[in-house]
Amino acid sequence: MEKTREDALALLRKYNKDESHIKHALAVEAAMAYFAERMDGDVEKWSMAGLLHDIDWETTQETPELHTHQGAKWLEEEGYPPELSRAVLAHGWSICSDVKPESDMEKVLFTVDELTGLIITAALVRPSRSLADLEVKSVKKKWKDKAFARGVNREIIVQGAEMIPLPLDRVIEWVILALRPIEGELGLGGGA
């Protein structure tokens, strides 16, 4: 790939000023890299897809039906590989896009986008405010509480895990493990 991570981060920051959106992008980037390493994916490409997946979020919040479409267009205009534009579109499948995830990269992105939010929220309510002591069973317990992280669409996570296909517990575990090394950047643990 010609584009570097620094290029992608600069492009993300061009369109996103809210640090919570940047942190979400960093979390999804880390999860994508972790899954790519374990699924023989292109780590650089998967990571970039994670970093850029919501590039248009701040621009399309008032018109959610345009979410993913504007981002995919920007990536094309900037010369990013077509697989990245398609991954951006596919992560919004059944919500704001009719592009169904087909590649492993697209399926994982579709799945971990929502899951990173649930896991970070689960860590934030722990006394440690850390991922270091967060376990799958704790996430599953919070999962069952529909009032907890209400905005997280659990059906999408389940559907995505089935598409990958990996057991839900393993998907949760891998996302926890992926996020631990960057918890400070996410405002968790010592970075809170």
N, C-alpha and C. Protein backbone atom coordinates (compact mmCIF):
# COMPACT_ATOMS: atom_id res chain seq x y z
N MET A 1 0.84 -1.19 0.00
CA MET A 1 0.00 0.00 0.00
C MET A 1 0.88 1.24 0.00
N GLU A 2 0.49 2.21 -0.77
CA GLU A 2 1.26 3.44 -0.84
C GLU A 2 1.01 4.33 0.37
N LYS A 3 -0.19 4.34 0.90
CA LYS A 3 -0.55 5.23 1.99
C LYS A 3 -0.01 4.69 3.31
N THR A 4 0.51 5.57 4.13
CA THR A 4 1.05 5.18 5.42
C THR A 4 -0.01 5.38 6.50
N ARG A 5 0.28 4.85 7.68
CA ARG A 5 -0.62 5.06 8.81
C ARG A 5 -0.70 6.54 9.13
N GLU A 6 0.41 7.24 9.01
CA GLU A 6 0.44 8.67 9.29
C GLU A 6 -0.47 9.42 8.33
N ASP A 7 -0.46 9.00 7.05
CA ASP A 7 -1.37 9.60 6.06
C ASP A 7 -2.82 9.37 6.47
N ALA A 8 -3.12 8.15 6.87
CA ALA A 8 -4.50 7.79 7.24
C ALA A 8 -4.94 8.55 8.49
N LEU A 9 -4.06 8.65 9.47
CA LEU A 9 -4.40 9.37 10.70
C LEU A 9 -4.62 10.85 10.41
N ALA A 10 -3.80 11.43 9.54
CA ALA A 10 -3.98 12.84 9.17
C ALA A 10 -5.32 13.03 8.45
N LEU A 11 -5.67 12.10 7.58
CA LEU A 11 -6.96 12.20 6.88
C LEU A 11 -8.12 12.06 7.86
N LEU A 12 -8.00 11.13 8.79
CA LEU A 12 -9.04 10.96 9.81
C LEU A 12 -9.21 12.25 10.60
N ARG A 13 -8.10 12.84 11.02
CA ARG A 13 -8.16 14.07 11.82
C ARG A 13 -8.64 15.27 11.00
N LYS A 14 -8.48 15.22 9.70
CA LYS A 14 -8.99 16.30 8.84
C LYS A 14 -10.51 16.41 8.97
N TYR A 15 -11.16 15.26 9.09
CA TYR A 15 -12.63 15.23 9.12
C TYR A 15 -13.21 14.99 10.52
N ASN A 16 -12.38 14.68 11.49
CA ASN A 16 -12.86 14.37 12.85
C ASN A 16 -12.08 15.17 13.87
N LYS A 17 -12.79 15.96 14.63
CA LYS A 17 -12.17 16.81 15.65
C LYS A 17 -12.44 16.30 17.07
N ASP A 18 -13.49 15.53 17.25
CA ASP A 18 -13.87 15.01 18.57
C ASP A 18 -12.93 13.86 18.94
N GLU A 19 -12.23 14.02 20.06
CA GLU A 19 -11.25 13.00 20.48
C GLU A 19 -11.90 11.65 20.76
N SER A 20 -13.17 11.62 21.14
CA SER A 20 -13.83 10.33 21.37
C SER A 20 -13.94 9.55 20.06
N HIS A 21 -14.11 10.26 18.95
CA HIS A 21 -14.16 9.58 17.65
C HIS A 21 -12.79 9.06 17.24
N ILE A 22 -11.75 9.83 17.57
CA ILE A 22 -10.38 9.39 17.28
C ILE A 22 -10.07 8.14 18.12
N LYS A 23 -10.44 8.16 19.39
CA LYS A 23 -10.19 7.00 20.26
C LYS A 23 -10.92 5.77 19.74
N HIS A 24 -12.16 5.96 19.28
CA HIS A 24 -12.90 4.83 18.72
C HIS A 24 -12.15 4.27 17.50
N ALA A 25 -11.66 5.15 16.64
CA ALA A 25 -10.92 4.71 15.45
C ALA A 25 -9.66 3.95 15.85
N LEU A 26 -8.96 4.41 16.88
CA LEU A 26 -7.75 3.72 17.36
C LEU A 26 -8.09 2.34 17.91
N ALA A 27 -9.22 2.24 18.60
CA ALA A 27 -9.63 0.95 19.16
C ALA A 27 -9.95 -0.03 18.04
N VAL A 28 -10.69 0.41 17.05
CA VAL A 28 -11.05 -0.49 15.95
C VAL A 28 -9.80 -0.84 15.14
N GLU A 29 -8.90 0.10 14.98
CA GLU A 29 -7.63 -0.18 14.30
C GLU A 29 -6.88 -1.30 15.02
N ALA A 30 -6.77 -1.21 16.34
CA ALA A 30 -6.04 -2.22 17.11
C ALA A 30 -6.71 -3.59 17.01
N ALA A 31 -8.03 -3.60 17.09
CA ALA A 31 -8.76 -4.86 16.98
C ALA A 31 -8.55 -5.48 15.60
N MET A 32 -8.61 -4.66 14.57
CA MET A 32 -8.42 -5.18 13.21
C MET A 32 -7.02 -5.77 13.03
N ALA A 33 -6.01 -5.11 13.57
CA ALA A 33 -4.64 -5.63 13.46
C ALA A 33 -4.53 -6.98 14.16
N TYR A 34 -5.13 -7.08 15.34
CA TYR A 34 -5.07 -8.31 16.12
C TYR A 34 -5.72 -9.47 15.35
N PHE A 35 -6.89 -9.22 14.81
CA PHE A 35 -7.58 -10.26 14.05
C PHE A 35 -6.81 -10.61 12.78
N ALA A 36 -6.26 -9.61 12.10
CA ALA A 36 -5.50 -9.87 10.87
C ALA A 36 -4.33 -10.80 11.14
N GLU A 37 -3.63 -10.57 12.25
CA GLU A 37 -2.49 -11.41 12.60
C GLU A 37 -2.91 -12.86 12.81
N ARG A 38 -4.10 -13.08 13.31
CA ARG A 38 -4.56 -14.43 13.62
C ARG A 38 -5.33 -15.09 12.47
N MET A 39 -5.72 -14.29 11.49
CA MET A 39 -6.52 -14.83 10.38
C MET A 39 -5.79 -14.71 9.05
N ASP A 40 -4.47 -14.53 9.11
CA ASP A 40 -3.64 -14.42 7.91
C ASP A 40 -4.09 -13.28 6.99
N GLY A 41 -4.53 -12.19 7.60
CA GLY A 41 -4.91 -11.02 6.82
C GLY A 41 -3.74 -10.08 6.64
N ASP A 42 -3.91 -9.09 5.79
CA ASP A 42 -2.92 -8.05 5.57
C ASP A 42 -3.05 -7.06 6.73
N VAL A 43 -2.13 -7.15 7.69
CA VAL A 43 -2.24 -6.36 8.93
C VAL A 43 -2.31 -4.87 8.63
N GLU A 44 -1.49 -4.41 7.72
CA GLU A 44 -1.48 -2.98 7.38
C GLU A 44 -2.83 -2.54 6.81
N LYS A 45 -3.35 -3.32 5.89
CA LYS A 45 -4.62 -2.96 5.25
C LYS A 45 -5.79 -3.06 6.23
N TRP A 46 -5.83 -4.13 7.01
CA TRP A 46 -6.91 -4.31 7.98
C TRP A 46 -6.88 -3.18 9.02
N SER A 47 -5.66 -2.84 9.47
CA SER A 47 -5.52 -1.76 10.45
C SER A 47 -6.03 -0.45 9.90
N MET A 48 -5.67 -0.17 8.66
CA MET A 48 -6.09 1.08 8.03
C MET A 48 -7.61 1.12 7.86
N ALA A 49 -8.20 -0.02 7.54
CA ALA A 49 -9.66 -0.08 7.44
C ALA A 49 -10.29 0.26 8.79
N GLY A 50 -9.70 -0.26 9.85
CA GLY A 50 -10.21 0.05 11.19
C GLY A 50 -10.06 1.52 11.54
N LEU A 51 -8.91 2.08 11.20
CA LEU A 51 -8.65 3.47 11.52
C LEU A 51 -9.59 4.41 10.76
N LEU A 52 -9.89 4.08 9.52
CA LEU A 52 -10.66 4.99 8.66
C LEU A 52 -12.15 4.66 8.54
N HIS A 53 -12.62 3.61 9.19
CA HIS A 53 -13.98 3.13 8.94
C HIS A 53 -15.06 4.17 9.20
N ASP A 54 -14.87 5.05 10.16
CA ASP A 54 -15.88 6.07 10.50
C ASP A 54 -15.42 7.48 10.12
N ILE A 55 -14.58 7.58 9.11
CA ILE A 55 -14.00 8.87 8.74
C ILE A 55 -15.06 9.94 8.51
N ASP A 56 -16.23 9.56 8.04
CA ASP A 56 -17.27 10.55 7.73
C ASP A 56 -18.29 10.74 8.86
N TRP A 57 -18.05 10.13 10.01
CA TRP A 57 -19.06 10.15 11.08
C TRP A 57 -19.46 11.56 11.49
N GLU A 58 -18.49 12.42 11.72
CA GLU A 58 -18.82 13.78 12.18
C GLU A 58 -19.55 14.58 11.11
N THR A 59 -19.31 14.26 9.87
CA THR A 59 -19.96 14.96 8.76
C THR A 59 -21.37 14.45 8.52
N THR A 60 -21.60 13.17 8.82
CA THR A 60 -22.90 12.56 8.46
C THR A 60 -23.80 12.28 9.66
N GLN A 61 -23.45 12.76 10.85
CA GLN A 61 -24.27 12.47 12.03
C GLN A 61 -25.72 12.92 11.85
N GLU A 62 -25.92 14.05 11.20
CA GLU A 62 -27.27 14.57 11.01
C GLU A 62 -27.98 13.90 9.84
N THR A 63 -27.23 13.20 9.01
CA THR A 63 -27.79 12.46 7.86
C THR A 63 -27.20 11.05 7.87
N PRO A 64 -27.59 10.23 8.87
CA PRO A 64 -26.95 8.92 9.04
C PRO A 64 -27.06 8.00 7.82
N GLU A 65 -28.04 8.23 6.96
CA GLU A 65 -28.15 7.39 5.77
C GLU A 65 -26.97 7.61 4.81
N LEU A 66 -26.24 8.71 4.99
CA LEU A 66 -25.07 8.98 4.16
C LEU A 66 -23.78 8.42 4.76
N HIS A 67 -23.86 7.98 6.04
CA HIS A 67 -22.68 7.43 6.70
C HIS A 67 -22.15 6.24 5.91
N THR A 68 -20.90 6.13 5.81
CA THR A 68 -20.10 5.16 5.06
C THR A 68 -19.97 5.56 3.58
N HIS A 69 -21.01 6.10 2.99
CA HIS A 69 -20.97 6.46 1.57
C HIS A 69 -20.01 7.63 1.32
N GLN A 70 -20.10 8.65 2.17
CA GLN A 70 -19.20 9.80 2.03
C GLN A 70 -17.76 9.37 2.30
N GLY A 71 -17.57 8.57 3.34
CA GLY A 71 -16.22 8.11 3.68
C GLY A 71 -15.60 7.29 2.57
N ALA A 72 -16.37 6.39 1.99
CA ALA A 72 -15.86 5.57 0.89
C ALA A 72 -15.46 6.46 -0.29
N LYS A 73 -16.26 7.47 -0.55
CA LYS A 73 -15.96 8.41 -1.64
C LYS A 73 -14.65 9.17 -1.37
N TRP A 74 -14.49 9.66 -0.12
CA TRP A 74 -13.26 10.36 0.22
C TRP A 74 -12.03 9.47 0.05
N LEU A 75 -12.15 8.21 0.47
CA LEU A 75 -11.01 7.30 0.34
C LEU A 75 -10.66 7.07 -1.12
N GLU A 76 -11.67 6.92 -1.97
CA GLU A 76 -11.42 6.77 -3.41
C GLU A 76 -10.70 8.00 -3.95
N GLU A 77 -11.20 9.18 -3.58
CA GLU A 77 -10.61 10.43 -4.07
C GLU A 77 -9.17 10.60 -3.60
N GLU A 78 -8.86 10.07 -2.43
CA GLU A 78 -7.50 10.19 -1.88
C GLU A 78 -6.56 9.09 -2.38
N GLY A 79 -7.09 8.16 -3.18
CA GLY A 79 -6.25 7.13 -3.77
C GLY A 79 -6.02 5.90 -2.91
N TYR A 80 -6.89 5.67 -1.94
CA TYR A 80 -6.79 4.46 -1.12
C TYR A 80 -7.30 3.27 -1.94
N PRO A 81 -6.83 2.07 -1.61
CA PRO A 81 -7.25 0.88 -2.36
C PRO A 81 -8.77 0.67 -2.30
N PRO A 82 -9.35 0.18 -3.38
CA PRO A 82 -10.81 -0.04 -3.43
C PRO A 82 -11.31 -0.95 -2.29
N GLU A 83 -10.45 -1.87 -1.81
CA GLU A 83 -10.87 -2.75 -0.72
C GLU A 83 -11.20 -1.96 0.55
N LEU A 84 -10.52 -0.85 0.75
CA LEU A 84 -10.79 -0.03 1.93
C LEU A 84 -12.12 0.69 1.80
N SER A 85 -12.38 1.23 0.63
CA SER A 85 -13.68 1.88 0.41
C SER A 85 -14.82 0.89 0.60
N ARG A 86 -14.63 -0.30 0.06
CA ARG A 86 -15.67 -1.33 0.20
C ARG A 86 -15.83 -1.74 1.67
N ALA A 87 -14.74 -1.86 2.41
CA ALA A 87 -14.82 -2.22 3.83
C ALA A 87 -15.58 -1.15 4.61
N VAL A 88 -15.32 0.12 4.30
CA VAL A 88 -16.04 1.21 4.96
C VAL A 88 -17.54 1.07 4.70
N LEU A 89 -17.90 0.82 3.46
CA LEU A 89 -19.33 0.64 3.13
C LEU A 89 -19.91 -0.59 3.83
N ALA A 90 -19.16 -1.69 3.82
CA ALA A 90 -19.67 -2.95 4.37
C ALA A 90 -19.84 -2.92 5.88
N HIS A 91 -19.09 -2.07 6.57
CA HIS A 91 -19.24 -2.05 8.03
C HIS A 91 -20.59 -1.44 8.42
N GLY A 92 -21.25 -0.76 7.50
CA GLY A 92 -22.56 -0.20 7.77
C GLY A 92 -23.71 -1.02 7.21
N TRP A 93 -23.39 -2.25 6.80
CA TRP A 93 -24.39 -3.12 6.19
C TRP A 93 -25.62 -3.27 7.09
N SER A 94 -26.76 -3.16 6.49
CA SER A 94 -28.08 -3.31 7.13
C SER A 94 -28.45 -2.13 8.02
N ILE A 95 -27.55 -1.16 8.14
CA ILE A 95 -27.84 0.03 8.93
C ILE A 95 -27.96 1.25 8.00
N CYS A 96 -26.90 1.46 7.22
CA CYS A 96 -26.89 2.61 6.31
C CYS A 96 -26.32 2.24 4.94
N SER A 97 -26.06 0.97 4.74
CA SER A 97 -25.45 0.51 3.49
C SER A 97 -26.03 -0.85 3.12
N ASP A 98 -26.13 -1.11 1.83
CA ASP A 98 -26.57 -2.43 1.39
C ASP A 98 -25.41 -3.29 0.90
N VAL A 99 -24.18 -2.85 1.21
CA VAL A 99 -22.98 -3.61 0.85
C VAL A 99 -22.72 -4.63 1.95
N LYS A 100 -22.95 -5.90 1.63
CA LYS A 100 -22.79 -6.97 2.61
C LYS A 100 -21.32 -7.33 2.76
N PRO A 101 -20.86 -7.50 4.01
CA PRO A 101 -19.47 -7.92 4.23
C PRO A 101 -19.21 -9.28 3.58
N GLU A 102 -18.16 -9.35 2.76
CA GLU A 102 -17.82 -10.60 2.08
C GLU A 102 -16.43 -11.09 2.45
N SER A 103 -15.45 -10.22 2.43
CA SER A 103 -14.08 -10.64 2.76
C SER A 103 -13.95 -10.78 4.27
N ASP A 104 -12.92 -11.49 4.71
CA ASP A 104 -12.67 -11.61 6.15
C ASP A 104 -12.49 -10.23 6.78
N MET A 105 -11.77 -9.35 6.09
CA MET A 105 -11.55 -8.01 6.62
C MET A 105 -12.89 -7.29 6.85
N GLU A 106 -13.78 -7.38 5.90
CA GLU A 106 -15.08 -6.72 6.02
C GLU A 106 -15.92 -7.33 7.14
N LYS A 107 -15.89 -8.64 7.26
CA LYS A 107 -16.67 -9.31 8.31
C LYS A 107 -16.17 -8.93 9.70
N VAL A 108 -14.85 -8.88 9.86
CA VAL A 108 -14.29 -8.53 11.16
C VAL A 108 -14.60 -7.07 11.49
N LEU A 109 -14.45 -6.19 10.53
CA LEU A 109 -14.75 -4.78 10.76
C LEU A 109 -16.22 -4.59 11.17
N PHE A 110 -17.11 -5.26 10.48
CA PHE A 110 -18.54 -5.21 10.80
C PHE A 110 -18.79 -5.62 12.25
N THR A 111 -18.05 -6.61 12.71
CA THR A 111 -18.23 -7.19 14.05
C THR A 111 -17.59 -6.35 15.15
N VAL A 112 -16.34 -5.96 14.96
CA VAL A 112 -15.61 -5.32 16.06
C VAL A 112 -15.96 -3.85 16.24
N ASP A 113 -16.54 -3.22 15.25
CA ASP A 113 -16.90 -1.81 15.37
C ASP A 113 -17.79 -1.59 16.60
N GLU A 114 -18.85 -2.35 16.71
CA GLU A 114 -19.76 -2.23 17.85
C GLU A 114 -19.13 -2.79 19.13
N LEU A 115 -18.43 -3.90 18.98
CA LEU A 115 -17.90 -4.60 20.15
C LEU A 115 -16.85 -3.78 20.91
N THR A 116 -16.04 -3.02 20.20
CA THR A 116 -15.03 -2.21 20.90
C THR A 116 -15.70 -1.25 21.87
N GLY A 117 -16.82 -0.67 21.46
CA GLY A 117 -17.54 0.26 22.34
C GLY A 117 -18.05 -0.42 23.60
N LEU A 118 -18.59 -1.61 23.46
CA LEU A 118 -19.10 -2.36 24.61
C LEU A 118 -17.96 -2.70 25.57
N ILE A 119 -16.85 -3.14 25.03
CA ILE A 119 -15.72 -3.55 25.87
C ILE A 119 -15.10 -2.35 26.59
N ILE A 120 -14.95 -1.25 25.90
CA ILE A 120 -14.40 -0.05 26.54
C ILE A 120 -15.33 0.44 27.64
N THR A 121 -16.63 0.42 27.38
CA THR A 121 -17.60 0.84 28.39
C THR A 121 -17.56 -0.11 29.60
N ALA A 122 -17.42 -1.41 29.33
CA ALA A 122 -17.31 -2.38 30.43
C ALA A 122 -16.07 -2.11 31.28
N ALA A 123 -14.97 -1.72 30.64
CA ALA A 123 -13.75 -1.40 31.40
C ALA A 123 -13.92 -0.13 32.22
N LEU A 124 -14.62 0.84 31.67
CA LEU A 124 -14.80 2.12 32.35
C LEU A 124 -15.59 2.01 33.66
N VAL A 125 -16.45 1.01 33.78
CA VAL A 125 -17.25 0.89 35.00
C VAL A 125 -16.57 -0.01 36.04
N ARG A 126 -15.41 -0.53 35.72
CA ARG A 126 -14.66 -1.34 36.68
C ARG A 126 -13.93 -0.41 37.65
N PRO A 127 -13.71 -0.85 38.88
CA PRO A 127 -12.94 -0.02 39.82
C PRO A 127 -11.57 0.38 39.27
N SER A 128 -10.95 -0.50 38.50
CA SER A 128 -9.62 -0.23 37.94
C SER A 128 -9.69 0.69 36.72
N ARG A 129 -10.88 0.81 36.11
CA ARG A 129 -11.05 1.54 34.84
C ARG A 129 -10.03 1.05 33.81
N SER A 130 -9.81 -0.27 33.80
CA SER A 130 -8.76 -0.84 32.99
C SER A 130 -9.24 -2.10 32.27
N LEU A 131 -8.53 -2.39 31.18
CA LEU A 131 -8.76 -3.64 30.45
C LEU A 131 -7.89 -4.76 31.01
N ALA A 132 -6.90 -4.41 31.82
CA ALA A 132 -5.94 -5.39 32.32
C ALA A 132 -6.62 -6.51 33.11
N ASP A 133 -7.68 -6.18 33.83
CA ASP A 133 -8.37 -7.19 34.62
C ASP A 133 -9.77 -7.51 34.09
N LEU A 134 -10.06 -7.05 32.89
CA LEU A 134 -11.37 -7.34 32.28
C LEU A 134 -11.34 -8.72 31.64
N GLU A 135 -12.34 -9.53 31.95
CA GLU A 135 -12.43 -10.88 31.41
C GLU A 135 -13.69 -11.02 30.57
N VAL A 136 -13.69 -12.05 29.73
CA VAL A 136 -14.83 -12.31 28.85
C VAL A 136 -16.12 -12.44 29.66
N LYS A 137 -16.06 -13.15 30.79
CA LYS A 137 -17.28 -13.37 31.58
C LYS A 137 -17.86 -12.05 32.09
N SER A 138 -17.01 -11.08 32.39
CA SER A 138 -17.49 -9.77 32.83
C SER A 138 -18.20 -9.04 31.69
N VAL A 139 -17.65 -9.15 30.50
CA VAL A 139 -18.29 -8.52 29.33
C VAL A 139 -19.62 -9.20 29.05
N LYS A 140 -19.65 -10.53 29.14
CA LYS A 140 -20.90 -11.27 28.89
C LYS A 140 -21.97 -10.91 29.91
N LYS A 141 -21.57 -10.67 31.15
CA LYS A 141 -22.52 -10.27 32.18
C LYS A 141 -23.13 -8.91 31.84
N LYS A 142 -22.29 -7.98 31.44
CA LYS A 142 -22.77 -6.65 31.03
C LYS A 142 -23.61 -6.75 29.76
N TRP A 143 -23.24 -7.66 28.89
CA TRP A 143 -23.94 -7.89 27.62
C TRP A 143 -25.43 -8.13 27.87
N LYS A 144 -25.71 -8.94 28.88
CA LYS A 144 -27.09 -9.32 29.17
C LYS A 144 -27.94 -8.17 29.69
N ASP A 145 -27.30 -7.15 30.24
CA ASP A 145 -28.01 -5.98 30.77
C ASP A 145 -28.27 -5.02 29.61
N LYS A 146 -29.51 -5.02 29.11
CA LYS A 146 -29.85 -4.22 27.93
C LYS A 146 -29.72 -2.71 28.18
N ALA A 147 -29.77 -2.29 29.44
CA ALA A 147 -29.61 -0.87 29.75
C ALA A 147 -28.14 -0.45 29.71
N PHE A 148 -27.23 -1.43 29.79
CA PHE A 148 -25.80 -1.13 29.77
C PHE A 148 -25.35 -0.95 28.33
N ALA A 149 -24.67 0.15 28.04
CA ALA A 149 -24.20 0.45 26.68
C ALA A 149 -25.34 0.24 25.69
N ARG A 150 -26.43 0.90 25.98
CA ARG A 150 -27.68 0.74 25.22
C ARG A 150 -27.49 0.95 23.72
N GLY A 151 -26.57 1.82 23.33
CA GLY A 151 -26.37 2.12 21.92
C GLY A 151 -25.65 1.03 21.14
N VAL A 152 -25.11 0.05 21.83
CA VAL A 152 -24.38 -1.03 21.16
C VAL A 152 -25.37 -2.08 20.66
N ASN A 153 -25.32 -2.32 19.37
CA ASN A 153 -26.22 -3.28 18.74
C ASN A 153 -25.62 -4.68 18.88
N ARG A 154 -26.10 -5.41 19.87
CA ARG A 154 -25.57 -6.74 20.14
C ARG A 154 -25.88 -7.73 19.02
N GLU A 155 -27.00 -7.54 18.35
CA GLU A 155 -27.36 -8.45 17.24
C GLU A 155 -26.33 -8.38 16.12
N ILE A 156 -25.82 -7.19 15.85
CA ILE A 156 -24.80 -7.04 14.80
C ILE A 156 -23.54 -7.79 15.21
N ILE A 157 -23.15 -7.71 16.47
CA ILE A 157 -21.95 -8.41 16.93
C ILE A 157 -22.12 -9.92 16.77
N VAL A 158 -23.27 -10.43 17.18
CA VAL A 158 -23.54 -11.87 17.05
C VAL A 158 -23.54 -12.27 15.57
N GLN A 159 -24.22 -11.49 14.75
CA GLN A 159 -24.29 -11.78 13.32
C GLN A 159 -22.89 -11.76 12.71
N GLY A 160 -22.08 -10.79 13.10
CA GLY A 160 -20.72 -10.70 12.58
C GLY A 160 -19.86 -11.88 13.00
N ALA A 161 -19.94 -12.25 14.28
CA ALA A 161 -19.16 -13.40 14.77
C ALA A 161 -19.52 -14.66 14.00
N GLU A 162 -20.81 -14.83 13.70
CA GLU A 162 -21.25 -15.99 12.92
C GLU A 162 -20.72 -15.93 11.49
N MET A 163 -20.61 -14.73 10.93
CA MET A 163 -20.09 -14.58 9.57
C MET A 163 -18.61 -14.88 9.49
N ILE A 164 -17.85 -14.57 10.57
CA ILE A 164 -16.38 -14.66 10.47
C ILE A 164 -15.90 -16.07 10.09
N PRO A 165 -16.30 -17.18 10.60
CA PRO A 165 -17.04 -17.51 11.80
C PRO A 165 -16.10 -17.83 12.96
N LEU A 166 -16.40 -17.22 14.09
CA LEU A 166 -15.69 -17.50 15.34
C LEU A 166 -16.70 -17.49 16.47
N PRO A 167 -16.45 -18.28 17.52
CA PRO A 167 -17.34 -18.22 18.68
C PRO A 167 -17.32 -16.81 19.28
N LEU A 168 -18.47 -16.35 19.73
CA LEU A 168 -18.59 -15.01 20.30
C LEU A 168 -17.59 -14.78 21.42
N ASP A 169 -17.41 -15.78 22.30
CA ASP A 169 -16.47 -15.61 23.40
C ASP A 169 -15.05 -15.34 22.90
N ARG A 170 -14.65 -16.01 21.83
CA ARG A 170 -13.31 -15.78 21.29
C ARG A 170 -13.21 -14.38 20.69
N VAL A 171 -14.24 -13.93 20.00
CA VAL A 171 -14.24 -12.58 19.43
C VAL A 171 -14.08 -11.55 20.55
N ILE A 172 -14.84 -11.72 21.61
CA ILE A 172 -14.74 -10.80 22.76
C ILE A 172 -13.33 -10.85 23.35
N GLU A 173 -12.81 -12.05 23.55
CA GLU A 173 -11.46 -12.20 24.12
C GLU A 173 -10.42 -11.51 23.25
N TRP A 174 -10.47 -11.72 21.94
CA TRP A 174 -9.49 -11.12 21.05
C TRP A 174 -9.56 -9.59 21.07
N VAL A 175 -10.77 -9.05 21.15
CA VAL A 175 -10.87 -7.59 21.20
C VAL A 175 -10.29 -7.07 22.52
N ILE A 176 -10.57 -7.73 23.62
CA ILE A 176 -9.97 -7.32 24.90
C ILE A 176 -8.45 -7.34 24.79
N LEU A 177 -7.91 -8.43 24.29
CA LEU A 177 -6.46 -8.57 24.16
C LEU A 177 -5.86 -7.53 23.21
N ALA A 178 -6.60 -7.22 22.16
CA ALA A 178 -6.13 -6.22 21.18
C ALA A 178 -6.07 -4.82 21.78
N LEU A 179 -7.01 -4.52 22.66
CA LEU A 179 -7.10 -3.16 23.22
C LEU A 179 -6.19 -2.94 24.42
N ARG A 180 -5.80 -4.00 25.11
CA ARG A 180 -4.96 -3.83 26.31
C ARG A 180 -3.71 -3.00 26.07
N PRO A 181 -2.95 -3.26 25.00
CA PRO A 181 -1.71 -2.49 24.83
C PRO A 181 -1.92 -0.99 24.57
N ILE A 182 -3.12 -0.61 24.15
CA ILE A 182 -3.36 0.82 23.85
C ILE A 182 -4.35 1.46 24.83
N GLU A 183 -4.59 0.81 25.95
CA GLU A 183 -5.63 1.33 26.85
C GLU A 183 -5.35 2.77 27.29
N GLY A 184 -4.10 3.14 27.46
CA GLY A 184 -3.78 4.52 27.84
C GLY A 184 -4.24 5.52 26.79
N GLU A 185 -4.05 5.17 25.51
CA GLU A 185 -4.52 6.03 24.41
C GLU A 185 -6.03 6.14 24.36
N LEU A 186 -6.69 5.14 24.92
CA LEU A 186 -8.16 5.11 24.92
C LEU A 186 -8.75 5.78 26.17
N GLY A 187 -7.88 6.26 27.06
CA GLY A 187 -8.35 6.90 28.28
C GLY A 187 -8.69 5.92 29.38
N LEU A 188 -8.12 4.74 29.30
CA LEU A 188 -8.36 3.71 30.30
C LEU A 188 -7.11 3.47 31.14
N GLY A 189 -7.27 2.76 32.26
CA GLY A 189 -6.14 2.40 33.10
C GLY A 189 -5.37 3.63 33.54
N GLY A 190 -4.09 3.61 33.30
CA GLY A 190 -3.22 4.73 33.67
C GLY A 190 -3.45 5.98 32.85
N GLY A 191 -4.14 5.82 31.70
CA GLY A 191 -4.39 6.97 30.82
C GLY A 191 -5.69 7.67 31.11
N ALA A 192 -6.42 7.18 32.14
CA ALA A 192 -7.73 7.76 32.43
C ALA A 192 -7.61 9.11 33.09
